[in-house]
Amino acid sequence: PTSGPVAGGTSVTITGTNLTGATGVKFGANAATNVVVVSATSVTATAPAGVAGAATVTVTTPGGTSTNVVSFTYLAAPTVTALSPTSGSVAGGTVVTITGSGFVSGATTVKFGANAGTSVTFVSATSIRATTPAGIAGAVTVSATTTSGTSTNVTQFTYVAVPTVTALSPVSGPVAGGTVVTITGSGFVSGATTVKFGANAGTSVTFVSATSIRATAPAGVAGAVTVSATTTTGGTSTNATQFTYVAAPTITSFAPTSVAIGTVVTITGTNFTGATAVKFGTVLATRFTVISATSIVVGVPAGSVTSTKITVTTPGGSVISTSSVTLSGTALPTITGFAATSGPVGTVVTVTGANVGAASATAVNGVVATFTVTSATTLNLIVPVGAATGKITVTTAGGTATSAASFTVTLVIVAGPTLVSTIGVFALRLV
């Protein structure tokens, strides 16, 4: 060939006349090696190392040294001096413009670390484009190779991990949007991270750290959507972490409409699941029970005013009743019965009576018991540790009701060499 790398080593066939007995070949001032006389018109030699540019090739025989100018061009190895962009996703696919020197049309390859770039496009001797292969997070050296050699200067491309979304707080909000959500994950980039809730872009994205961002949920439709984070260099998260859009609650009715402090009110409507608050005017109910998505049982709290509207708040928003309750006086609860009538600690007792659904506390013989309201007129309490045989009480904002009969607390007979005797509330244990 007429050219080769500055490192030398190119086997060159030299054609001419009177080459028999050739004793030496030079490329410029440097002697070639492996000189072989093929014929009177042909000699082969291995080019020595040289400097970039043209060097005159001369052949020396017993008859003298050639004087006509026939040049061999030393080609410098390519260099890589700049990249644009300098980073991209570990998934690959980033088109990178590489600036340098010594690029050859149709004869230049590119590597990102140990992996070959694809779609290498020659722009000029100082510019090429290549598409990154997949890689692992971190920096790799980009090299270009031609027939003249491989670049050796260190110019690096940084692989950026795809972001992940692993947790949300809160995990739900109204379909109207506007919920500020803290998103936990990895790979978030300041000023270069966007968020989507399903197909819709979140707004007001705020970078907190590489593992935390905040975004405001856009409007959506009721149901769960996947929250994704995208960075300009790392790509888009693929793990499914979901935010649930909750439809706003509605109140269609409530009963009764004329109440007293401590009265149980049953609110009927839609989308009550997960309700977080019930208010009578500005007064917060101390306790309420979501019976179903369409029903809430609540006691009228102390402090409520004579005529006031009811507000229900859920993760989907708040709704205010169109009509008001009329308040007058105080309503005491009553206990009309309970079942079971006896049992050990842990027994579930169903208590029935007027306004027991407004209960704020229950007790067995003065020992506070946990309970669950099941309707306006019933609740289930659990016989607490430490309780002895005695009467059941239910307390509401209107007062306290006491059962006419007592609940008998029994002790569990323990298997093995243990005798348990129960007389009233006294127990004897022999071991």
Protein backbone atom coordinates (compact mmCIF):
# COMPACT_ATOMS: atom_id res chain seq x y z
CA PRO A 1 0.00 0.00 0.00
CA THR A 2 0.94 3.67 -0.25
CA SER A 3 0.23 4.41 3.40
CA GLY A 4 0.42 2.89 6.85
CA PRO A 5 0.56 3.71 10.56
CA VAL A 6 3.31 5.79 12.13
CA ALA A 7 4.11 2.77 14.28
CA GLY A 8 5.52 1.09 11.18
CA GLY A 9 5.17 -2.59 10.39
CA THR A 10 3.43 -2.21 7.04
CA SER A 11 4.68 -4.68 4.42
CA VAL A 12 5.21 -2.64 1.26
CA THR A 13 5.81 -3.90 -2.29
CA ILE A 14 8.07 -1.50 -4.21
CA THR A 15 7.98 -1.59 -8.01
CA GLY A 16 10.67 -0.12 -10.31
CA THR A 17 13.60 -1.07 -12.53
CA ASN A 18 17.12 -2.36 -11.97
CA LEU A 19 16.31 -3.54 -8.44
CA THR A 20 18.41 -6.70 -8.64
CA GLY A 21 20.88 -6.90 -5.74
CA ALA A 22 19.16 -4.22 -3.73
CA THR A 23 21.04 -3.73 -0.47
CA GLY A 24 18.72 -1.39 1.35
CA VAL A 25 15.42 0.45 1.38
CA LYS A 26 14.68 3.66 3.25
CA PHE A 27 11.43 5.42 4.14
CA GLY A 28 12.67 8.96 4.44
CA ALA A 29 15.78 8.74 6.62
CA ASN A 30 14.81 5.47 8.28
CA ALA A 31 15.86 2.03 7.05
CA ALA A 32 13.25 -0.55 6.27
CA THR A 33 13.54 -4.12 7.50
CA ASN A 34 12.93 -7.48 5.92
CA VAL A 35 14.06 -6.32 2.48
CA VAL A 36 13.47 -9.04 -0.13
CA VAL A 37 14.35 -8.75 -3.84
CA VAL A 38 11.55 -10.42 -5.72
CA SER A 39 12.76 -9.56 -9.20
CA ALA A 40 14.55 -6.87 -11.14
CA THR A 41 11.33 -4.86 -10.95
CA SER A 42 10.04 -5.70 -7.46
CA VAL A 43 11.25 -5.49 -3.86
CA THR A 44 9.32 -6.00 -0.63
CA ALA A 45 10.18 -4.31 2.68
CA THR A 46 8.65 -3.61 6.08
CA ALA A 47 8.12 0.10 6.80
CA PRO A 48 9.92 1.38 9.90
CA ALA A 49 8.26 3.69 12.41
CA GLY A 50 7.90 7.24 11.19
CA VAL A 51 6.09 10.51 11.69
CA ALA A 52 2.80 11.49 10.19
CA GLY A 53 3.13 12.68 6.63
CA ALA A 54 4.79 11.64 3.36
CA ALA A 55 8.23 10.01 3.29
CA THR A 56 10.22 9.37 0.08
CA VAL A 57 11.00 5.70 -0.49
CA THR A 58 14.47 4.97 -1.89
CA VAL A 59 16.12 1.72 -2.94
CA THR A 60 19.90 1.25 -2.96
CA THR A 61 21.62 -1.29 -5.23
CA PRO A 62 25.27 -1.73 -6.35
CA GLY A 63 24.30 0.66 -9.12
CA GLY A 64 23.33 3.45 -6.75
CA THR A 65 20.30 4.88 -5.02
CA SER A 66 17.00 5.77 -6.67
CA THR A 67 16.35 9.47 -7.00
CA ASN A 68 12.80 9.72 -8.29
CA VAL A 69 10.24 10.75 -5.70
CA VAL A 70 7.86 7.98 -4.74
CA SER A 71 6.21 8.64 -1.37
CA PHE A 72 4.74 6.49 1.38
CA THR A 73 2.35 8.31 3.70
CA TYR A 74 2.54 7.72 7.42
CA LEU A 75 -0.89 7.98 8.99
CA ALA A 76 -1.23 9.02 12.61
CA ALA A 77 -3.46 6.93 14.91
CA PRO A 78 -6.82 8.61 15.46
CA THR A 79 -7.49 10.72 18.55
CA VAL A 80 -10.68 11.24 20.52
CA THR A 81 -10.80 14.65 22.19
CA ALA A 82 -14.49 15.36 22.93
CA LEU A 83 -17.91 13.69 23.18
CA SER A 84 -21.43 15.06 22.96
CA PRO A 85 -23.31 14.05 25.01
CA THR A 86 -20.86 12.78 27.61
CA SER A 87 -23.35 10.47 29.35
CA GLY A 88 -26.29 8.20 28.63
CA SER A 89 -28.37 5.28 29.81
CA VAL A 90 -26.91 1.90 30.74
CA ALA A 91 -29.48 0.52 28.31
CA GLY A 92 -27.44 1.95 25.45
CA GLY A 93 -28.89 3.66 22.39
CA THR A 94 -27.37 7.11 22.95
CA VAL A 95 -26.11 8.70 19.70
CA VAL A 96 -22.75 10.29 20.52
CA THR A 97 -20.86 12.80 18.34
CA ILE A 98 -17.13 12.09 18.67
CA THR A 99 -14.62 14.84 17.92
CA GLY A 100 -10.95 14.12 17.30
CA SER A 101 -8.61 13.50 14.37
CA GLY A 102 -7.54 10.81 11.95
CA PHE A 103 -10.98 9.40 11.27
CA VAL A 104 -11.28 7.54 7.96
CA SER A 105 -14.48 7.13 5.95
CA GLY A 106 -15.64 3.51 5.99
CA ALA A 107 -12.63 2.41 8.03
CA THR A 108 -13.21 3.68 11.56
CA THR A 109 -14.62 1.65 14.43
CA VAL A 110 -15.52 2.85 17.92
CA LYS A 111 -15.54 1.20 21.33
CA PHE A 112 -17.13 2.29 24.59
CA GLY A 113 -14.88 0.54 27.06
CA ALA A 114 -14.64 -3.03 25.78
CA ASN A 115 -17.92 -2.91 23.84
CA ALA A 116 -18.27 -1.89 20.20
CA GLY A 117 -20.39 1.09 19.31
CA THR A 118 -22.89 0.64 16.48
CA SER A 119 -24.05 2.71 13.49
CA VAL A 120 -20.68 4.48 13.16
CA THR A 121 -21.14 7.37 10.74
CA PHE A 122 -18.23 9.28 9.18
CA VAL A 123 -18.79 13.04 9.14
CA SER A 124 -15.24 14.27 8.52
CA ALA A 125 -11.66 13.45 9.42
CA THR A 126 -12.35 15.19 12.75
CA SER A 127 -15.92 14.07 13.48
CA ILE A 128 -17.85 10.80 13.61
CA ARG A 129 -21.07 9.60 15.23
CA ALA A 130 -21.68 6.29 17.01
CA THR A 131 -24.49 4.69 19.03
CA THR A 132 -23.61 3.44 22.50
CA PRO A 133 -24.00 -0.26 23.33
CA ALA A 134 -25.48 -1.34 26.66
CA GLY A 135 -23.11 -0.90 29.59
CA ILE A 136 -22.90 -0.73 33.35
CA ALA A 137 -23.14 2.41 35.47
CA GLY A 138 -19.87 4.35 35.52
CA ALA A 139 -17.30 5.91 33.19
CA VAL A 140 -15.67 4.13 30.22
CA THR A 141 -13.00 5.30 27.78
CA VAL A 142 -14.13 5.88 24.21
CA SER A 143 -11.61 4.77 21.58
CA ALA A 144 -11.54 5.03 17.79
CA THR A 145 -9.66 2.60 15.56
CA THR A 146 -8.57 2.90 11.94
CA THR A 147 -6.00 1.02 9.90
CA SER A 148 -3.49 3.45 11.39
CA GLY A 149 -4.13 2.30 14.95
CA THR A 150 -6.26 3.00 18.00
CA SER A 151 -6.60 6.23 19.91
CA THR A 152 -4.88 6.21 23.29
CA ASN A 153 -5.97 9.46 24.90
CA VAL A 154 -8.53 9.08 27.69
CA THR A 155 -11.90 10.65 26.83
CA GLN A 156 -14.73 9.16 28.84
CA PHE A 157 -18.44 8.49 28.46
CA THR A 158 -20.47 7.94 31.64
CA TYR A 159 -23.16 5.29 31.76
CA VAL A 160 -26.03 6.41 33.99
CA ALA A 161 -28.28 3.86 35.73
CA VAL A 162 -31.97 3.83 34.84
CA PRO A 163 -33.90 5.51 37.69
CA THR A 164 -36.12 3.42 39.96
CA VAL A 165 -39.28 4.29 41.91
CA THR A 166 -39.64 2.13 45.03
CA ALA A 167 -42.04 4.00 47.34
CA LEU A 168 -44.59 6.83 47.41
CA SER A 169 -45.97 8.97 50.23
CA PRO A 170 -48.89 9.37 50.22
CA VAL A 171 -49.96 6.48 48.01
CA SER A 172 -53.34 7.95 47.07
CA GLY A 173 -55.06 11.25 46.34
CA PRO A 174 -58.10 12.84 44.72
CA VAL A 175 -58.90 12.50 41.02
CA ALA A 176 -58.74 16.29 40.84
CA GLY A 177 -54.96 16.05 41.30
CA GLY A 178 -52.90 18.41 43.41
CA THR A 179 -51.48 15.82 45.83
CA VAL A 180 -47.81 16.48 46.60
CA VAL A 181 -46.15 13.06 46.51
CA THR A 182 -42.70 12.22 47.88
CA ILE A 183 -41.11 9.66 45.57
CA THR A 184 -38.34 7.40 46.86
CA GLY A 185 -36.04 5.47 44.54
CA SER A 186 -32.65 5.87 42.89
CA GLY A 187 -30.92 7.57 40.00
CA PHE A 188 -32.72 10.92 40.26
CA VAL A 189 -30.85 13.85 38.69
CA SER A 190 -31.14 17.50 39.75
CA GLY A 191 -32.86 19.55 37.06
CA ALA A 192 -33.12 16.57 34.74
CA THR A 193 -35.85 14.34 36.18
CA THR A 194 -39.49 14.23 35.06
CA VAL A 195 -42.35 12.24 36.60
CA LYS A 196 -45.48 10.66 35.16
CA PHE A 197 -48.58 9.37 36.91
CA GLY A 198 -49.73 6.84 34.36
CA ALA A 199 -49.67 8.71 31.06
CA ASN A 200 -49.91 12.18 32.61
CA ALA A 201 -46.98 14.35 33.63
CA GLY A 202 -46.55 15.35 37.24
CA THR A 203 -45.87 19.02 37.92
CA SER A 204 -43.60 20.99 40.25
CA VAL A 205 -40.98 18.24 40.32
CA THR A 206 -38.50 19.06 43.09
CA PHE A 207 -35.14 17.34 43.44
CA VAL A 208 -34.31 16.43 47.04
CA SER A 209 -31.51 13.93 46.52
CA ALA A 210 -30.47 11.13 44.18
CA THR A 211 -32.95 8.94 46.07
CA SER A 212 -35.82 11.35 46.70
CA ILE A 213 -37.95 13.78 44.66
CA ARG A 214 -41.32 15.44 45.10
CA ALA A 215 -43.98 15.89 42.42
CA THR A 216 -47.56 17.11 42.30
CA ALA A 217 -50.05 14.60 40.92
CA PRO A 218 -52.01 15.75 37.86
CA ALA A 219 -55.75 15.12 37.51
CA GLY A 220 -56.62 11.48 36.81
CA VAL A 221 -59.41 8.93 36.89
CA ALA A 222 -60.31 6.70 39.81
CA GLY A 223 -57.98 3.72 40.10
CA ALA A 224 -54.29 2.84 40.31
CA VAL A 225 -51.61 4.17 37.96
CA THR A 226 -47.88 3.44 37.79
CA VAL A 227 -45.59 6.32 38.77
CA SER A 228 -42.47 6.54 36.60
CA ALA A 229 -39.40 8.76 36.73
CA THR A 230 -37.36 9.71 33.67
CA THR A 231 -33.93 11.30 33.52
CA THR A 232 -32.39 12.75 30.39
CA THR A 233 -29.44 10.40 30.60
CA GLY A 234 -30.65 7.32 32.46
CA GLY A 235 -34.00 6.66 30.81
CA THR A 236 -37.33 5.75 32.41
CA SER A 237 -38.00 3.58 35.47
CA THR A 238 -39.74 0.29 34.75
CA ASN A 239 -40.66 -1.04 38.20
CA ALA A 240 -44.38 -0.78 38.99
CA THR A 241 -44.99 1.45 42.01
CA GLN A 242 -48.56 2.67 42.03
CA PHE A 243 -50.51 5.75 43.09
CA THR A 244 -54.26 5.36 43.54
CA TYR A 245 -56.64 8.07 42.39
CA VAL A 246 -59.61 8.18 44.73
CA ALA A 247 -62.97 9.52 43.59
CA ALA A 248 -64.34 12.38 45.67
CA PRO A 249 -66.93 11.39 48.28
CA THR A 250 -70.57 12.39 48.01
CA ILE A 251 -73.27 12.75 50.68
CA THR A 252 -76.74 11.84 49.49
CA SER A 253 -78.50 11.86 52.88
CA PHE A 254 -78.13 11.50 56.63
CA ALA A 255 -80.48 10.40 59.38
CA PRO A 256 -81.80 11.51 61.70
CA THR A 257 -81.84 15.18 60.74
CA SER A 258 -82.87 16.40 64.21
CA VAL A 259 -80.24 15.36 66.73
CA ALA A 260 -78.77 15.93 70.15
CA ILE A 261 -75.21 15.69 71.49
CA GLY A 262 -74.44 11.94 71.52
CA THR A 263 -77.02 10.99 68.88
CA VAL A 264 -75.86 8.47 66.28
CA VAL A 265 -76.09 9.83 62.73
CA THR A 266 -75.91 7.48 59.74
CA ILE A 267 -74.44 9.23 56.70
CA THR A 268 -75.21 7.75 53.28
CA GLY A 269 -73.30 8.54 50.11
CA THR A 270 -70.46 7.23 47.96
CA ASN A 271 -66.68 6.74 48.08
CA PHE A 272 -66.40 6.77 51.89
CA THR A 273 -63.68 4.09 51.99
CA GLY A 274 -60.61 5.36 53.83
CA ALA A 275 -62.43 8.36 55.32
CA THR A 276 -60.12 10.35 57.56
CA ALA A 277 -62.45 12.86 59.21
CA VAL A 278 -66.09 13.76 59.87
CA LYS A 279 -67.08 17.22 61.08
CA PHE A 280 -70.27 18.84 62.29
CA GLY A 281 -69.66 22.39 61.17
CA THR A 282 -66.17 23.10 62.48
CA VAL A 283 -66.31 20.48 65.28
CA LEU A 284 -64.39 17.30 64.56
CA ALA A 285 -66.09 14.04 65.52
CA THR A 286 -63.83 12.22 67.98
CA ARG A 287 -64.75 8.85 66.53
CA PHE A 288 -66.64 7.53 63.53
CA THR A 289 -66.96 4.18 61.76
CA VAL A 290 -66.93 3.53 58.03
CA ILE A 291 -69.48 0.75 57.71
CA SER A 292 -69.03 0.51 53.94
CA ALA A 293 -68.13 2.64 50.93
CA THR A 294 -71.63 4.09 51.13
CA SER A 295 -72.26 4.37 54.89
CA ILE A 296 -70.66 6.06 57.90
CA VAL A 297 -71.89 5.91 61.51
CA VAL A 298 -70.87 8.86 63.72
CA GLY A 299 -71.90 10.37 67.05
CA VAL A 300 -72.72 14.06 67.28
CA PRO A 301 -69.74 15.54 69.18
CA ALA A 302 -69.93 17.94 72.09
CA GLY A 303 -69.53 21.54 70.98
CA SER A 304 -71.67 21.22 67.85
CA VAL A 305 -73.86 24.25 67.15
CA THR A 306 -77.63 24.35 66.77
CA SER A 307 -77.75 24.11 62.97
CA THR A 308 -74.75 22.86 61.07
CA LYS A 309 -73.69 20.91 57.99
CA ILE A 310 -71.73 17.66 57.92
CA THR A 311 -68.35 17.32 56.21
CA VAL A 312 -66.76 13.99 55.24
CA THR A 313 -63.07 13.90 54.24
CA THR A 314 -61.40 11.00 52.42
CA PRO A 315 -58.18 10.66 50.38
CA GLY A 316 -60.37 11.66 47.44
CA GLY A 317 -61.30 15.03 48.93
CA SER A 318 -64.00 16.54 51.12
CA VAL A 319 -67.76 16.92 50.68
CA ILE A 320 -70.22 19.06 52.65
CA SER A 321 -73.85 18.06 53.02
CA THR A 322 -76.35 20.29 51.26
CA SER A 323 -78.68 20.36 54.27
CA SER A 324 -78.03 20.93 57.96
CA VAL A 325 -78.66 18.89 61.07
CA THR A 326 -80.82 20.54 63.73
CA LEU A 327 -79.31 20.19 67.21
CA SER A 328 -81.13 20.32 70.51
CA GLY A 329 -80.07 19.01 73.92
CA THR A 330 -78.18 15.86 74.84
CA ALA A 331 -79.03 12.22 74.07
CA LEU A 332 -77.93 9.58 76.58
CA PRO A 333 -77.01 6.14 75.24
CA THR A 334 -78.89 3.10 76.49
CA ILE A 335 -77.92 -0.57 76.65
CA THR A 336 -80.80 -2.91 75.92
CA GLY A 337 -78.80 -6.13 75.94
CA PHE A 338 -75.54 -7.93 75.22
CA ALA A 339 -74.36 -11.37 74.07
CA ALA A 340 -72.37 -13.43 75.06
CA THR A 341 -73.19 -13.10 78.72
CA SER A 342 -70.04 -14.84 80.02
CA GLY A 343 -66.60 -15.84 78.90
CA PRO A 344 -62.86 -15.43 79.48
CA VAL A 345 -60.62 -12.50 78.59
CA GLY A 346 -60.72 -11.99 74.82
CA THR A 347 -64.40 -12.88 74.43
CA VAL A 348 -66.23 -10.74 71.85
CA VAL A 349 -69.42 -9.29 73.30
CA THR A 350 -72.08 -7.73 71.07
CA VAL A 351 -73.72 -4.78 72.83
CA THR A 352 -77.08 -3.48 71.61
CA GLY A 353 -78.83 -0.22 72.44
CA ALA A 354 -79.77 3.27 71.42
CA ASN A 355 -76.85 5.51 70.31
CA VAL A 356 -74.20 2.90 71.15
CA GLY A 357 -72.88 3.52 67.64
CA ALA A 358 -71.71 6.90 68.97
CA ALA A 359 -69.49 5.25 71.58
CA SER A 360 -66.17 6.86 72.41
CA ALA A 361 -65.32 4.33 75.14
CA THR A 362 -66.48 1.01 76.59
CA ALA A 363 -65.59 -0.91 79.76
CA VAL A 364 -66.26 -4.15 81.63
CA ASN A 365 -66.57 -3.56 85.38
CA GLY A 366 -64.56 -0.36 84.97
CA VAL A 367 -61.73 -1.87 82.88
CA VAL A 368 -61.46 -0.13 79.52
CA ALA A 369 -62.22 -2.40 76.56
CA THR A 370 -61.46 -2.03 72.88
CA PHE A 371 -64.48 -2.05 70.58
CA THR A 372 -65.72 -1.80 67.01
CA VAL A 373 -68.99 -0.12 66.02
CA THR A 374 -70.96 -2.29 63.59
CA SER A 375 -74.11 -0.16 63.24
CA ALA A 376 -75.95 2.75 64.81
CA THR A 377 -77.32 0.43 67.49
CA THR A 378 -74.62 -2.25 67.93
CA LEU A 379 -70.95 -2.58 68.80
CA ASN A 380 -68.58 -5.42 69.53
CA LEU A 381 -66.28 -5.12 72.53
CA ILE A 382 -63.45 -7.43 73.56
CA VAL A 383 -63.28 -8.46 77.24
CA PRO A 384 -60.02 -6.85 78.40
CA VAL A 385 -57.19 -8.28 80.47
CA GLY A 386 -57.82 -7.53 84.14
CA ALA A 387 -61.59 -7.45 83.81
CA ALA A 388 -63.71 -9.12 86.48
CA THR A 389 -67.39 -10.00 86.51
CA GLY A 390 -69.42 -6.81 86.39
CA LYS A 391 -71.50 -4.48 84.34
CA ILE A 392 -70.74 -3.14 80.87
CA THR A 393 -70.63 0.60 80.23
CA VAL A 394 -70.79 2.55 76.96
CA THR A 395 -69.74 6.22 76.91
CA THR A 396 -70.68 8.77 74.24
CA ALA A 397 -70.58 12.55 74.02
CA GLY A 398 -74.09 12.43 75.53
CA GLY A 399 -73.13 10.46 78.63
CA THR A 400 -72.60 6.91 79.88
CA ALA A 401 -74.98 3.92 79.79
CA THR A 402 -74.65 0.99 82.18
CA SER A 403 -76.04 -2.48 81.51
CA ALA A 404 -78.71 -3.82 83.80
CA ALA A 405 -77.08 -7.25 83.97
CA SER A 406 -73.47 -8.22 84.65
CA PHE A 407 -71.08 -9.99 82.32
CA THR A 408 -69.45 -12.99 83.99
CA VAL A 409 -65.73 -13.26 83.43
CA THR A 410 -64.52 -16.84 83.53
CA LEU A 411 -61.00 -18.24 83.55
CA VAL A 412 -59.59 -20.64 80.99
CA ILE A 413 -58.81 -24.13 82.32
CA VAL A 414 -55.13 -24.79 81.66
CA ALA A 415 -54.17 -28.27 80.44
CA GLY A 416 -51.79 -30.27 82.62
CA PRO A 417 -51.31 -30.38 86.40
CA THR A 418 -53.06 -27.09 87.04
CA LEU A 419 -56.38 -26.65 88.87
CA VAL A 420 -58.40 -23.55 88.27
CA SER A 421 -61.38 -22.79 90.48
CA THR A 422 -63.69 -19.87 89.92
CA ILE A 423 -66.06 -18.48 92.50
CA GLY A 424 -67.46 -15.14 91.39
CA VAL A 425 -64.48 -13.00 90.60
CA PHE A 426 -62.03 -15.00 92.79
CA ALA A 427 -59.66 -17.59 91.33
CA LEU A 428 -57.49 -20.21 93.00
CA ARG A 429 -54.66 -21.79 91.04
CA LEU A 430 -52.83 -24.86 92.41
CA VAL A 431 -49.68 -26.01 90.65
